[in-house]
Amino acid sequence: MRREDDFEVRSKHLQHMTDEELDAYFWELAEKIVDPLIELAYYHTSPSIERSVLLRMGFSSIEAKEIVNRIEERGLLSKGAGHIVLKVAERAKTDYLTAGRGLANGQYLDVLDEIAREARENEAGER
C-alpha cells in the first residue's frame, strides 16, 4: 500500500508564516502535547519515582525502598516521600537524613502514623 503525498495540502496553512511565526507555532503545539503529561506527573506518582527522589536526597536504595514501603502502607505516597521525610524530621526535631534512616529502620513510625491520621482528617474535611 502506497501513501498519497498530501504534504502540499496539509502544509497550506503554514506556508504564509515567517520563520518566527513557525517557531512560535511549533512551541505552542509542543506545549499542547506536553501539558497533559505535566498534569499527570503533578497529580500522580509511583513508588519508583519516590525512591528516585529519596536517592537524590542522599538515601541508599535499600533505605529508599523501606521508606517508600512504610509511607505507601499508610497511604501517604501521593504526598511525596521526600516531603513526608521532611515532615517527620521537623516533628522529630532532627535532620532529614536521620529521620529517613530512622523510618527505614522502623523508628518514627508513631510520627508517620500521626501524619497519616492528619492527612485523612484533612481529606475528609475537604469533601
PDB file of N, CA and C in Angstrom:
ATOM      1  N   MET A   1       0.846  -1.181   0.000  1.00  0.00           N
ATOM      2  CA  MET A   1       0.000   0.000   0.000  1.00  0.00           C
ATOM      3  C   MET A   1       0.889   1.240   0.000  1.00  0.00           C
ATOM      4  N   ARG A   2       0.589   2.137  -0.866  1.00  0.00           N
ATOM      5  CA  ARG A   2       1.379   3.350  -1.005  1.00  0.00           C
ATOM      6  C   ARG A   2       0.565   4.540  -0.513  1.00  0.00           C
ATOM      7  N   ARG A   3       1.209   5.382   0.243  1.00  0.00           N
ATOM      8  CA  ARG A   3       0.534   6.560   0.787  1.00  0.00           C
ATOM      9  C   ARG A   3       0.594   7.696  -0.232  1.00  0.00           C
ATOM     10  N   GLU A   4      -0.533   8.343  -0.408  1.00  0.00           N
ATOM     11  CA  GLU A   4      -0.581   9.517  -1.281  1.00  0.00           C
ATOM     12  C   GLU A   4       0.153  10.660  -0.586  1.00  0.00           C
ATOM     13  N   ASP A   5       0.944  11.388  -1.345  1.00  0.00           N
ATOM     14  CA  ASP A   5       1.663  12.517  -0.782  1.00  0.00           C
ATOM     15  C   ASP A   5       0.736  13.727  -0.763  1.00  0.00           C
ATOM     16  N   ASP A   6       0.328  14.111   0.436  1.00  0.00           N
ATOM     17  CA  ASP A   6      -0.582  15.252   0.570  1.00  0.00           C
ATOM     18  C   ASP A   6       0.057  16.386   1.376  1.00  0.00           C
ATOM     19  N   PHE A   7       1.384  16.419   1.361  1.00  0.00           N
ATOM     20  CA  PHE A   7       2.108  17.432   2.115  1.00  0.00           C
ATOM     21  C   PHE A   7       1.693  18.844   1.712  1.00  0.00           C
ATOM     22  N   GLU A   8       1.555  19.092   0.447  1.00  0.00           N
ATOM     23  CA  GLU A   8       1.184  20.431  -0.030  1.00  0.00           C
ATOM     24  C   GLU A   8      -0.158  20.869   0.547  1.00  0.00           C
ATOM     25  N   VAL A   9      -1.100  19.950   0.612  1.00  0.00           N
ATOM     26  CA  VAL A   9      -2.429  20.266   1.140  1.00  0.00           C
ATOM     27  C   VAL A   9      -2.360  20.481   2.659  1.00  0.00           C
ATOM     28  N   ARG A  10      -1.674  19.558   3.351  1.00  0.00           N
ATOM     29  CA  ARG A  10      -1.621  19.628   4.818  1.00  0.00           C
ATOM     30  C   ARG A  10      -0.802  20.815   5.313  1.00  0.00           C
ATOM     31  N   SER A  11       0.147  21.278   4.526  1.00  0.00           N
ATOM     32  CA  SER A  11       1.015  22.373   4.979  1.00  0.00           C
ATOM     33  C   SER A  11       0.554  23.741   4.484  1.00  0.00           C
ATOM     34  N   LYS A  12      -0.564  23.793   3.804  1.00  0.00           N
ATOM     35  CA  LYS A  12      -1.037  25.050   3.223  1.00  0.00           C
ATOM     36  C   LYS A  12      -1.181  26.151   4.277  1.00  0.00           C
ATOM     37  N   HIS A  13      -1.690  25.806   5.458  1.00  0.00           N
ATOM     38  CA  HIS A  13      -1.895  26.821   6.495  1.00  0.00           C
ATOM     39  C   HIS A  13      -0.572  27.314   7.101  1.00  0.00           C
ATOM     40  N   LEU A  14       0.525  26.649   6.809  1.00  0.00           N
ATOM     41  CA  LEU A  14       1.828  27.050   7.342  1.00  0.00           C
ATOM     42  C   LEU A  14       2.644  27.876   6.346  1.00  0.00           C
ATOM     43  N   GLN A  15       2.302  27.795   5.090  1.00  0.00           N
ATOM     44  CA  GLN A  15       3.132  28.373   4.037  1.00  0.00           C
ATOM     45  C   GLN A  15       3.241  29.895   4.105  1.00  0.00           C
ATOM     46  N   HIS A  16       2.271  30.570   4.648  1.00  0.00           N
ATOM     47  CA  HIS A  16       2.312  32.035   4.713  1.00  0.00           C
ATOM     48  C   HIS A  16       3.082  32.542   5.944  1.00  0.00           C
ATOM     49  N   MET A  17       3.462  31.633   6.843  1.00  0.00           N
ATOM     50  CA  MET A  17       4.104  32.035   8.095  1.00  0.00           C
ATOM     51  C   MET A  17       5.591  32.315   7.912  1.00  0.00           C
ATOM     52  N   THR A  18       6.076  33.297   8.688  1.00  0.00           N
ATOM     53  CA  THR A  18       7.513  33.584   8.712  1.00  0.00           C
ATOM     54  C   THR A  18       8.201  32.542   9.593  1.00  0.00           C
ATOM     55  N   ASP A  19       9.523  32.545   9.566  1.00  0.00           N
ATOM     56  CA  ASP A  19      10.268  31.610  10.417  1.00  0.00           C
ATOM     57  C   ASP A  19       9.947  31.828  11.894  1.00  0.00           C
ATOM     58  N   GLU A  20       9.806  33.078  12.291  1.00  0.00           N
ATOM     59  CA  GLU A  20       9.482  33.385  13.693  1.00  0.00           C
ATOM     60  C   GLU A  20       8.087  32.872  14.059  1.00  0.00           C
ATOM     61  N   GLU A  21       7.141  33.040  13.142  1.00  0.00           N
ATOM     62  CA  GLU A  21       5.784  32.556  13.392  1.00  0.00           C
ATOM     63  C   GLU A  21       5.738  31.024  13.445  1.00  0.00           C
ATOM     64  N   LEU A  22       6.506  30.384  12.565  1.00  0.00           N
ATOM     65  CA  LEU A  22       6.586  28.921  12.590  1.00  0.00           C
ATOM     66  C   LEU A  22       7.199  28.431  13.898  1.00  0.00           C
ATOM     67  N   ASP A  23       8.230  29.113  14.353  1.00  0.00           N
ATOM     68  CA  ASP A  23       8.867  28.744  15.612  1.00  0.00           C
ATOM     69  C   ASP A  23       7.877  28.874  16.769  1.00  0.00           C
ATOM     70  N   ALA A  24       7.150  29.979  16.805  1.00  0.00           N
ATOM     71  CA  ALA A  24       6.156  30.184  17.865  1.00  0.00           C
ATOM     72  C   ALA A  24       5.046  29.140  17.785  1.00  0.00           C
ATOM     73  N   TYR A  25       4.617  28.815  16.577  1.00  0.00           N
ATOM     74  CA  TYR A  25       3.565  27.809  16.382  1.00  0.00           C
ATOM     75  C   TYR A  25       4.050  26.431  16.840  1.00  0.00           C
ATOM     76  N   PHE A  26       5.295  26.120  16.520  1.00  0.00           N
ATOM     77  CA  PHE A  26       5.873  24.844  16.961  1.00  0.00           C
ATOM     78  C   PHE A  26       5.819  24.734  18.477  1.00  0.00           C
ATOM     79  N   TRP A  27       6.265  25.774  19.178  1.00  0.00           N
ATOM     80  CA  TRP A  27       6.292  25.716  20.645  1.00  0.00           C
ATOM     81  C   TRP A  27       4.886  25.697  21.240  1.00  0.00           C
ATOM     82  N   GLU A  28       3.960  26.342  20.579  1.00  0.00           N
ATOM     83  CA  GLU A  28       2.557  26.286  21.023  1.00  0.00           C
ATOM     84  C   GLU A  28       2.032  24.850  20.944  1.00  0.00           C
ATOM     85  N   LEU A  29       2.310  24.185  19.830  1.00  0.00           N
ATOM     86  CA  LEU A  29       1.882  22.797  19.674  1.00  0.00           C
ATOM     87  C   LEU A  29       2.615  21.873  20.648  1.00  0.00           C
ATOM     88  N   ALA A  30       3.888  22.130  20.855  1.00  0.00           N
ATOM     89  CA  ALA A  30       4.664  21.310  21.793  1.00  0.00           C
ATOM     90  C   ALA A  30       4.085  21.423  23.203  1.00  0.00           C
ATOM     91  N   GLU A  31       3.702  22.621  23.606  1.00  0.00           N
ATOM     92  CA  GLU A  31       3.092  22.806  24.928  1.00  0.00           C
ATOM     93  C   GLU A  31       1.770  22.052  25.036  1.00  0.00           C
ATOM     94  N   LYS A  32       0.975  22.074  23.979  1.00  0.00           N
ATOM     95  CA  LYS A  32      -0.302  21.348  23.990  1.00  0.00           C
ATOM     96  C   LYS A  32      -0.079  19.847  24.172  1.00  0.00           C
ATOM     97  N   ILE A  33       0.982  19.342  23.584  1.00  0.00           N
ATOM     98  CA  ILE A  33       1.287  17.915  23.697  1.00  0.00           C
ATOM     99  C   ILE A  33       1.763  17.579  25.110  1.00  0.00           C
ATOM    100  N   VAL A  34       2.568  18.434  25.682  1.00  0.00           N
ATOM    101  CA  VAL A  34       3.208  18.153  26.968  1.00  0.00           C
ATOM    102  C   VAL A  34       2.300  18.482  28.157  1.00  0.00           C
ATOM    103  N   ASP A  35       1.371  19.403  28.014  1.00  0.00           N
ATOM    104  CA  ASP A  35       0.512  19.806  29.132  1.00  0.00           C
ATOM    105  C   ASP A  35      -0.161  18.636  29.847  1.00  0.00           C
ATOM    106  N   PRO A  36      -0.762  17.683  29.148  1.00  0.00           N
ATOM    107  CA  PRO A  36      -1.371  16.554  29.861  1.00  0.00           C
ATOM    108  C   PRO A  36      -0.352  15.712  30.624  1.00  0.00           C
ATOM    109  N   LEU A  37       0.859  15.608  30.092  1.00  0.00           N
ATOM    110  CA  LEU A  37       1.911  14.860  30.786  1.00  0.00           C
ATOM    111  C   LEU A  37       2.331  15.565  32.069  1.00  0.00           C
ATOM    112  N   ILE A  38       2.427  16.870  32.006  1.00  0.00           N
ATOM    113  CA  ILE A  38       2.796  17.649  33.187  1.00  0.00           C
ATOM    114  C   ILE A  38       1.709  17.519  34.246  1.00  0.00           C
ATOM    115  N   GLU A  39       0.461  17.618  33.820  1.00  0.00           N
ATOM    116  CA  GLU A  39      -0.654  17.473  34.769  1.00  0.00           C
ATOM    117  C   GLU A  39      -0.655  16.082  35.395  1.00  0.00           C
ATOM    118  N   LEU A  40      -0.424  15.072  34.591  1.00  0.00           N
ATOM    119  CA  LEU A  40      -0.374  13.701  35.093  1.00  0.00           C
ATOM    120  C   LEU A  40       0.756  13.542  36.111  1.00  0.00           C
ATOM    121  N   ALA A  41       1.913  14.078  35.798  1.00  0.00           N
ATOM    122  CA  ALA A  41       3.053  13.973  36.709  1.00  0.00           C
ATOM    123  C   ALA A  41       2.814  14.761  37.995  1.00  0.00           C
ATOM    124  N   TYR A  42       2.096  15.864  37.898  1.00  0.00           N
ATOM    125  CA  TYR A  42       1.848  16.697  39.068  1.00  0.00           C
ATOM    126  C   TYR A  42       0.922  15.995  40.061  1.00  0.00           C
ATOM    127  N   TYR A  43      -0.057  15.273  39.561  1.00  0.00           N
ATOM    128  CA  TYR A  43      -1.062  14.670  40.435  1.00  0.00           C
ATOM    129  C   TYR A  43      -0.863  13.181  40.689  1.00  0.00           C
ATOM    130  N   HIS A  44       0.089  12.556  40.032  1.00  0.00           N
ATOM    131  CA  HIS A  44       0.294  11.118  40.190  1.00  0.00           C
ATOM    132  C   HIS A  44       1.771  10.816  40.400  1.00  0.00           C
ATOM    133  N   THR A  45       2.034   9.809  41.196  1.00  0.00           N
ATOM    134  CA  THR A  45       3.408   9.376  41.417  1.00  0.00           C
ATOM    135  C   THR A  45       3.417   7.867  41.511  1.00  0.00           C
ATOM    136  N   SER A  46       4.579   7.323  41.698  1.00  0.00           N
ATOM    137  CA  SER A  46       4.719   5.880  41.833  1.00  0.00           C
ATOM    138  C   SER A  46       5.832   5.590  42.829  1.00  0.00           C
ATOM    139  N   PRO A  47       5.870   4.388  43.358  1.00  0.00           N
ATOM    140  CA  PRO A  47       6.962   4.057  44.276  1.00  0.00           C
ATOM    141  C   PRO A  47       8.341   4.272  43.647  1.00  0.00           C
ATOM    142  N   SER A  48       8.490   3.932  42.374  1.00  0.00           N
ATOM    143  CA  SER A  48       9.812   4.100  41.761  1.00  0.00           C
ATOM    144  C   SER A  48      10.209   5.566  41.646  1.00  0.00           C
ATOM    145  N   ILE A  49       9.256   6.429  41.359  1.00  0.00           N
ATOM    146  CA  ILE A  49       9.558   7.866  41.303  1.00  0.00           C
ATOM    147  C   ILE A  49       9.954   8.360  42.688  1.00  0.00           C
ATOM    148  N   GLU A  50       9.219   7.940  43.696  1.00  0.00           N
ATOM    149  CA  GLU A  50       9.512   8.398  45.053  1.00  0.00           C
ATOM    150  C   GLU A  50      10.850   7.843  45.554  1.00  0.00           C
ATOM    151  N   ARG A  51      11.187   6.621  45.180  1.00  0.00           N
ATOM    152  CA  ARG A  51      12.506   6.081  45.543  1.00  0.00           C
ATOM    153  C   ARG A  51      13.597   6.907  44.887  1.00  0.00           C
ATOM    154  N   SER A  52      13.363   7.298  43.653  1.00  0.00           N
ATOM    155  CA  SER A  52      14.335   8.122  42.932  1.00  0.00           C
ATOM    156  C   SER A  52      14.549   9.463  43.629  1.00  0.00           C
ATOM    157  N   VAL A  53      13.475  10.057  44.109  1.00  0.00           N
ATOM    158  CA  VAL A  53      13.587  11.320  44.848  1.00  0.00           C
ATOM    159  C   VAL A  53      14.445  11.114  46.089  1.00  0.00           C
ATOM    160  N   LEU A  54      14.184  10.040  46.823  1.00  0.00           N
ATOM    161  CA  LEU A  54      14.937   9.773  48.051  1.00  0.00           C
ATOM    162  C   LEU A  54      16.404   9.491  47.754  1.00  0.00           C
ATOM    163  N   LEU A  55      16.690   8.832  46.646  1.00  0.00           N
ATOM    164  CA  LEU A  55      18.085   8.606  46.266  1.00  0.00           C
ATOM    165  C   LEU A  55      18.804   9.938  46.069  1.00  0.00           C
ATOM    166  N   ARG A  56      18.116  10.878  45.456  1.00  0.00           N
ATOM    167  CA  ARG A  56      18.718  12.194  45.221  1.00  0.00           C
ATOM    168  C   ARG A  56      18.855  12.999  46.508  1.00  0.00           C
ATOM    169  N   MET A  57      18.095  12.610  47.521  1.00  0.00           N
ATOM    170  CA  MET A  57      18.212  13.266  48.823  1.00  0.00           C
ATOM    171  C   MET A  57      19.363  12.677  49.640  1.00  0.00           C
ATOM    172  N   GLY A  58      19.964  11.588  49.157  1.00  0.00           N
ATOM    173  CA  GLY A  58      21.132  11.022  49.826  1.00  0.00           C
ATOM    174  C   GLY A  58      20.914   9.689  50.504  1.00  0.00           C
ATOM    175  N   PHE A  59      19.741   9.088  50.327  1.00  0.00           N
ATOM    176  CA  PHE A  59      19.479   7.784  50.929  1.00  0.00           C
ATOM    177  C   PHE A  59      19.970   6.680  50.005  1.00  0.00           C
ATOM    178  N   SER A  60      20.324   5.536  50.577  1.00  0.00           N
ATOM    179  CA  SER A  60      20.716   4.384  49.764  1.00  0.00           C
ATOM    180  C   SER A  60      19.461   3.776  49.146  1.00  0.00           C
ATOM    181  N   SER A  61      19.643   2.923  48.164  1.00  0.00           N
ATOM    182  CA  SER A  61      18.488   2.306  47.512  1.00  0.00           C
ATOM    183  C   SER A  61      17.728   1.412  48.488  1.00  0.00           C
ATOM    184  N   ILE A  62      18.432   0.754  49.391  1.00  0.00           N
ATOM    185  CA  ILE A  62      17.765  -0.097  50.385  1.00  0.00           C
ATOM    186  C   ILE A  62      16.949   0.768  51.346  1.00  0.00           C
ATOM    187  N   GLU A  63      17.528   1.884  51.800  1.00  0.00           N
ATOM    188  CA  GLU A  63      16.788   2.800  52.676  1.00  0.00           C
ATOM    189  C   GLU A  63      15.574   3.372  51.960  1.00  0.00           C
ATOM    190  N   ALA A  64      15.784   3.801  50.722  1.00  0.00           N
ATOM    191  CA  ALA A  64      14.693   4.407  49.953  1.00  0.00           C
ATOM    192  C   ALA A  64      13.536   3.424  49.795  1.00  0.00           C
ATOM    193  N   LYS A  65      13.858   2.168  49.519  1.00  0.00           N
ATOM    194  CA  LYS A  65      12.811   1.154  49.354  1.00  0.00           C
ATOM    195  C   LYS A  65      12.006   0.994  50.638  1.00  0.00           C
ATOM    196  N   GLU A  66      12.676   0.913  51.769  1.00  0.00           N
ATOM    197  CA  GLU A  66      11.986   0.750  53.055  1.00  0.00           C
ATOM    198  C   GLU A  66      11.155   1.979  53.404  1.00  0.00           C
ATOM    199  N   ILE A  67      11.711   3.152  53.175  1.00  0.00           N
ATOM    200  CA  ILE A  67      10.982   4.396  53.469  1.00  0.00           C
ATOM    201  C   ILE A  67       9.707   4.454  52.633  1.00  0.00           C
ATOM    202  N   VAL A  68       9.840   4.201  51.336  1.00  0.00           N
ATOM    203  CA  VAL A  68       8.681   4.255  50.440  1.00  0.00           C
ATOM    204  C   VAL A  68       7.647   3.213  50.854  1.00  0.00           C
ATOM    205  N   ASN A  69       8.092   2.028  51.206  1.00  0.00           N
ATOM    206  CA  ASN A  69       7.141   0.992  51.640  1.00  0.00           C
ATOM    207  C   ASN A  69       6.344   1.449  52.859  1.00  0.00           C
ATOM    208  N   ARG A  70       7.005   2.039  53.835  1.00  0.00           N
ATOM    209  CA  ARG A  70       6.321   2.480  55.054  1.00  0.00           C
ATOM    210  C   ARG A  70       5.358   3.637  54.753  1.00  0.00           C
ATOM    211  N   ILE A  71       5.767   4.517  53.875  1.00  0.00           N
ATOM    212  CA  ILE A  71       4.908   5.648  53.503  1.00  0.00           C
ATOM    213  C   ILE A  71       3.710   5.154  52.693  1.00  0.00           C
ATOM    214  N   GLU A  72       3.956   4.235  51.787  1.00  0.00           N
ATOM    215  CA  GLU A  72       2.878   3.706  50.950  1.00  0.00           C
ATOM    216  C   GLU A  72       1.871   2.915  51.787  1.00  0.00           C
ATOM    217  N   GLU A  73       2.337   2.163  52.769  1.00  0.00           N
ATOM    218  CA  GLU A  73       1.447   1.391  53.643  1.00  0.00           C
ATOM    219  C   GLU A  73       0.434   2.291  54.352  1.00  0.00           C
ATOM    220  N   ARG A  74       0.810   3.523  54.588  1.00  0.00           N
ATOM    221  CA  ARG A  74      -0.043   4.460  55.311  1.00  0.00           C
ATOM    222  C   ARG A  74      -0.822   5.386  54.381  1.00  0.00           C
ATOM    223  N   GLY A  75      -0.733   5.131  53.083  1.00  0.00           N
ATOM    224  CA  GLY A  75      -1.498   5.912  52.114  1.00  0.00           C
ATOM    225  C   GLY A  75      -0.992   7.322  51.905  1.00  0.00           C
ATOM    226  N   LEU A  76       0.286   7.542  52.147  1.00  0.00           N
ATOM    227  CA  LEU A  76       0.843   8.888  52.041  1.00  0.00           C
ATOM    228  C   LEU A  76       1.709   9.108  50.811  1.00  0.00           C
ATOM    229  N   LEU A  77       1.804   8.121  49.944  1.00  0.00           N
ATOM    230  CA  LEU A  77       2.716   8.242  48.810  1.00  0.00           C
ATOM    231  C   LEU A  77       2.397   9.447  47.933  1.00  0.00           C
ATOM    232  N   SER A  78       1.119   9.762  47.788  1.00  0.00           N
ATOM    233  CA  SER A  78       0.731  10.896  46.940  1.00  0.00           C
ATOM    234  C   SER A  78       1.214  12.235  47.492  1.00  0.00           C
ATOM    235  N   LYS A  79       1.588  12.249  48.757  1.00  0.00           N
ATOM    236  CA  LYS A  79       2.115  13.484  49.367  1.00  0.00           C
ATOM    237  C   LYS A  79       3.587  13.685  49.036  1.00  0.00           C
ATOM    238  N   GLY A  80       4.230  12.636  48.516  1.00  0.00           N
ATOM    239  CA  GLY A  80       5.646  12.713  48.172  1.00  0.00           C
ATOM    240  C   GLY A  80       6.505  12.198  49.311  1.00  0.00           C
ATOM    241  N   ALA A  81       7.318  11.213  49.021  1.00  0.00           N
ATOM    242  CA  ALA A  81       8.146  10.599  50.056  1.00  0.00           C
ATOM    243  C   ALA A  81       9.133  11.596  50.653  1.00  0.00           C
ATOM    244  N   GLY A  82       9.740  12.409  49.816  1.00  0.00           N
ATOM    245  CA  GLY A  82      10.677  13.413  50.318  1.00  0.00           C
ATOM    246  C   GLY A  82       9.989  14.398  51.246  1.00  0.00           C
ATOM    247  N   HIS A  83       8.802  14.802  50.882  1.00  0.00           N
ATOM    248  CA  HIS A  83       8.016  15.732  51.699  1.00  0.00           C
ATOM    249  C   HIS A  83       7.686  15.103  53.052  1.00  0.00           C
ATOM    250  N   ILE A  84       7.285  13.829  53.037  1.00  0.00           N
ATOM    251  CA  ILE A  84       6.938  13.140  54.274  1.00  0.00           C
ATOM    252  C   ILE A  84       8.172  12.990  55.159  1.00  0.00           C
ATOM    253  N   VAL A  85       9.304  12.655  54.567  1.00  0.00           N
ATOM    254  CA  VAL A  85      10.546  12.549  55.356  1.00  0.00           C
ATOM    255  C   VAL A  85      10.868  13.892  56.011  1.00  0.00           C
ATOM    256  N   LEU A  86      10.689  14.976  55.278  1.00  0.00           N
ATOM    257  CA  LEU A  86      10.944  16.306  55.851  1.00  0.00           C
ATOM    258  C   LEU A  86       9.974  16.611  56.991  1.00  0.00           C
ATOM    259  N   LYS A  87       8.709  16.221  56.830  1.00  0.00           N
ATOM    260  CA  LYS A  87       7.711  16.418  57.895  1.00  0.00           C
ATOM    261  C   LYS A  87       8.093  15.628  59.147  1.00  0.00           C
ATOM    262  N   VAL A  88       8.501  14.373  58.959  1.00  0.00           N
ATOM    263  CA  VAL A  88       8.915  13.545  60.094  1.00  0.00           C
ATOM    264  C   VAL A  88      10.116  14.177  60.778  1.00  0.00           C
ATOM    265  N   ALA A  89      11.083  14.641  60.010  1.00  0.00           N
ATOM    266  CA  ALA A  89      12.279  15.271  60.579  1.00  0.00           C
ATOM    267  C   ALA A  89      11.909  16.511  61.390  1.00  0.00           C
ATOM    268  N   GLU A  90      10.999  17.310  60.852  1.00  0.00           N
ATOM    269  CA  GLU A  90      10.561  18.531  61.539  1.00  0.00           C
ATOM    270  C   GLU A  90       9.912  18.184  62.880  1.00  0.00           C
ATOM    271  N   ARG A  91       9.035  17.207  62.870  1.00  0.00           N
ATOM    272  CA  ARG A  91       8.324  16.836  64.097  1.00  0.00           C
ATOM    273  C   ARG A  91       9.227  16.120  65.089  1.00  0.00           C
ATOM    274  N   ALA A  92      10.191  15.370  64.576  1.00  0.00           N
ATOM    275  CA  ALA A  92      11.110  14.650  65.460  1.00  0.00           C
ATOM    276  C   ALA A  92      12.282  15.533  65.872  1.00  0.00           C
ATOM    277  N   LYS A  93      12.304  16.753  65.345  1.00  0.00           N
ATOM    278  CA  LYS A  93      13.363  17.719  65.647  1.00  0.00           C
ATOM    279  C   LYS A  93      14.752  17.134  65.368  1.00  0.00           C
ATOM    280  N   THR A  94      14.889  16.640  64.158  1.00  0.00           N
ATOM    281  CA  THR A  94      16.163  16.079  63.711  1.00  0.00           C
ATOM    282  C   THR A  94      16.353  16.418  62.242  1.00  0.00           C
ATOM    283  N   ASP A  95      17.495  16.080  61.677  1.00  0.00           N
ATOM    284  CA  ASP A  95      17.716  16.341  60.258  1.00  0.00           C
ATOM    285  C   ASP A  95      17.034  15.261  59.420  1.00  0.00           C
ATOM    286  N   TYR A  96      16.831  15.557  58.160  1.00  0.00           N
ATOM    287  CA  TYR A  96      16.039  14.653  57.325  1.00  0.00           C
ATOM    288  C   TYR A  96      16.729  13.316  57.082  1.00  0.00           C
ATOM    289  N   LEU A  97      18.055  13.286  57.024  1.00  0.00           N
ATOM    290  CA  LEU A  97      18.746  12.012  56.815  1.00  0.00           C
ATOM    291  C   LEU A  97      18.545  11.080  58.008  1.00  0.00           C
ATOM    292  N   THR A  98      18.637  11.636  59.199  1.00  0.00           N
ATOM    293  CA  THR A  98      18.413  10.835  60.406  1.00  0.00           C
ATOM    294  C   THR A  98      16.972  10.343  60.450  1.00  0.00           C
ATOM    295  N   ALA A  99      16.033  11.224  60.132  1.00  0.00           N
ATOM    296  CA  ALA A  99      14.613  10.847  60.138  1.00  0.00           C
ATOM    297  C   ALA A  99      14.330   9.764  59.103  1.00  0.00           C
ATOM    298  N   GLY A 100      14.850   9.922  57.901  1.00  0.00           N
ATOM    299  CA  GLY A 100      14.625   8.938  56.843  1.00  0.00           C
ATOM    300  C   GLY A 100      15.246   7.597  57.175  1.00  0.00           C
ATOM    301  N   ARG A 101      16.457   7.631  57.681  1.00  0.00           N
ATOM    302  CA  ARG A 101      17.109   6.371  58.050  1.00  0.00           C
ATOM    303  C   ARG A 101      16.382   5.720  59.222  1.00  0.00           C
ATOM    304  N   GLY A 102      15.863   6.545  60.113  1.00  0.00           N
ATOM    305  CA  GLY A 102      15.066   6.011  61.211  1.00  0.00           C
ATOM    306  C   GLY A 102      13.801   5.342  60.692  1.00  0.00           C
ATOM    307  N   LEU A 103      13.132   5.980  59.748  1.00  0.00           N
ATOM    308  CA  LEU A 103      11.935   5.374  59.151  1.00  0.00           C
ATOM    309  C   LEU A 103      12.280   4.032  58.500  1.00  0.00           C
ATOM    310  N   ALA A 104      13.394   4.003  57.798  1.00  0.00           N
ATOM    311  CA  ALA A 104      13.801   2.764  57.137  1.00  0.00           C
ATOM    312  C   ALA A 104      14.036   1.650  58.153  1.00  0.00           C
ATOM    313  N   ASN A 105      14.460   2.020  59.354  1.00  0.00           N
ATOM    314  CA  ASN A 105      14.755   1.034  60.402  1.00  0.00           C
ATOM    315  C   ASN A 105      13.607   0.833  61.379  1.00  0.00           C
ATOM    316  N   GLY A 106      12.455   1.411  61.073  1.00  0.00           N
ATOM    317  CA  GLY A 106      11.286   1.184  61.922  1.00  0.00           C
ATOM    318  C   GLY A 106      11.109   2.184  63.051  1.00  0.00           C
ATOM    319  N   GLN A 107      11.868   3.251  63.050  1.00  0.00           N
ATOM    320  CA  GLN A 107      11.707   4.306  64.052  1.00  0.00           C
ATOM    321  C   GLN A 107      10.760   5.379  63.497  1.00  0.00           C
ATOM    322  N   TYR A 108      10.314   6.243  64.347  1.00  0.00           N
ATOM    323  CA  TYR A 108       9.458   7.385  63.985  1.00  0.00           C
ATOM    324  C   TYR A 108       8.136   6.960  63.357  1.00  0.00           C
ATOM    325  N   LEU A 109       7.754   5.704  63.520  1.00  0.00           N
ATOM    326  CA  LEU A 109       6.502   5.244  62.919  1.00  0.00           C
ATOM    327  C   LEU A 109       5.297   5.898  63.579  1.00  0.00           C
ATOM    328  N   ASP A 110       5.422   6.244  64.861  1.00  0.00           N
ATOM    329  CA  ASP A 110       4.337   6.961  65.525  1.00  0.00           C
ATOM    330  C   ASP A 110       4.132   8.332  64.889  1.00  0.00           C
ATOM    331  N   VAL A 111       5.222   8.981  64.534  1.00  0.00           N
ATOM    332  CA  VAL A 111       5.138  10.285  63.866  1.00  0.00           C
ATOM    333  C   VAL A 111       4.520  10.109  62.483  1.00  0.00           C
ATOM    334  N   LEU A 112       4.934   9.078  61.781  1.00  0.00           N
ATOM    335  CA  LEU A 112       4.387   8.794  60.457  1.00  0.00           C
ATOM    336  C   LEU A 112       2.894   8.492  60.540  1.00  0.00           C
ATOM    337  N   ASP A 113       2.496   7.731  61.538  1.00  0.00           N
ATOM    338  CA  ASP A 113       1.069   7.428  61.724  1.00  0.00           C
ATOM    339  C   ASP A 113       0.275   8.690  62.035  1.00  0.00           C
ATOM    340  N   GLU A 114       0.858   9.583  62.813  1.00  0.00           N
ATOM    341  CA  GLU A 114       0.200  10.850  63.134  1.00  0.00           C
ATOM    342  C   GLU A 114      -0.002  11.692  61.869  1.00  0.00           C
ATOM    343  N   ILE A 115       1.014  11.745  61.029  1.00  0.00           N
ATOM    344  CA  ILE A 115       0.906  12.487  59.766  1.00  0.00           C
ATOM    345  C   ILE A 115      -0.179  11.869  58.888  1.00  0.00           C
ATOM    346  N   ALA A 116      -0.238  10.544  58.843  1.00  0.00           N
ATOM    347  CA  ALA A 116      -1.255   9.850  58.047  1.00  0.00           C
ATOM    348  C   ALA A 116      -2.653  10.149  58.576  1.00  0.00           C
ATOM    349  N   ARG A 117      -2.808  10.131  59.897  1.00  0.00           N
ATOM    350  CA  ARG A 117      -4.115  10.419  60.501  1.00  0.00           C
ATOM    351  C   ARG A 117      -4.545  11.839  60.157  1.00  0.00           C
ATOM    352  N   GLU A 118      -3.649  12.796  60.278  1.00  0.00           N
ATOM    353  CA  GLU A 118      -3.964  14.188  59.957  1.00  0.00           C
ATOM    354  C   GLU A 118      -4.327  14.343  58.476  1.00  0.00           C
ATOM    355  N   ALA A 119      -3.621  13.629  57.614  1.00  0.00           N
ATOM    356  CA  ALA A 119      -3.919  13.704  56.177  1.00  0.00           C
ATOM    357  C   ALA A 119      -5.322  13.176  55.895  1.00  0.00           C
ATOM    358  N   ARG A 120      -5.699  12.063  56.536  1.00  0.00           N
ATOM    359  CA  ARG A 120      -7.044  11.518  56.339  1.00  0.00           C
ATOM    360  C   ARG A 120      -8.099  12.487  56.852  1.00  0.00           C
ATOM    361  N   GLU A 121      -7.857  13.103  57.995  1.00  0.00           N
ATOM    362  CA  GLU A 121      -8.810  14.068  58.557  1.00  0.00           C
ATOM    363  C   GLU A 121      -8.958  15.276  57.632  1.00  0.00           C
ATOM    364  N   ASN A 122      -7.860  15.756  57.111  1.00  0.00           N
ATOM    365  CA  ASN A 122      -7.893  16.900  56.199  1.00  0.00           C
ATOM    366  C   ASN A 122      -8.654  16.568  54.918  1.00  0.00           C
ATOM    367  N   GLU A 123      -8.438  15.371  54.396  1.00  0.00           N
ATOM    368  CA  GLU A 123      -9.125  14.964  53.176  1.00  0.00           C
ATOM    369  C   GLU A 123     -10.618  14.783  53.437  1.00  0.00           C
ATOM    370  N   ALA A 124     -10.977  14.263  54.609  1.00  0.00           N
ATOM    371  CA  ALA A 124     -12.393  14.096  54.958  1.00  0.00           C
ATOM    372  C   ALA A 124     -13.074  15.455  55.123  1.00  0.00           C
ATOM    373  N   GLY A 125     -12.341  16.411  55.673  1.00  0.00           N
ATOM    374  CA  GLY A 125     -12.882  17.756  55.862  1.00  0.00           C
ATOM    375  C   GLY A 125     -13.068  18.512  54.556  1.00  0.00           C
ATOM    376  N   GLU A 126     -12.295  18.164  53.544  1.00  0.00           N
ATOM    377  CA  GLU A 126     -12.381  18.838  52.246  1.00  0.00           C
ATOM    378  C   GLU A 126     -13.536  18.326  51.404  1.00  0.00           C
ATOM    379  N   ARG A 127     -14.096  17.192  51.756  1.00  0.00           N
ATOM    380  CA  ARG A 127     -15.181  16.609  50.947  1.00  0.00           C
ATOM    381  C   ARG A 127     -16.466  17.245  51.207  1.00  0.00           C
TER     382      ARG A 127
END
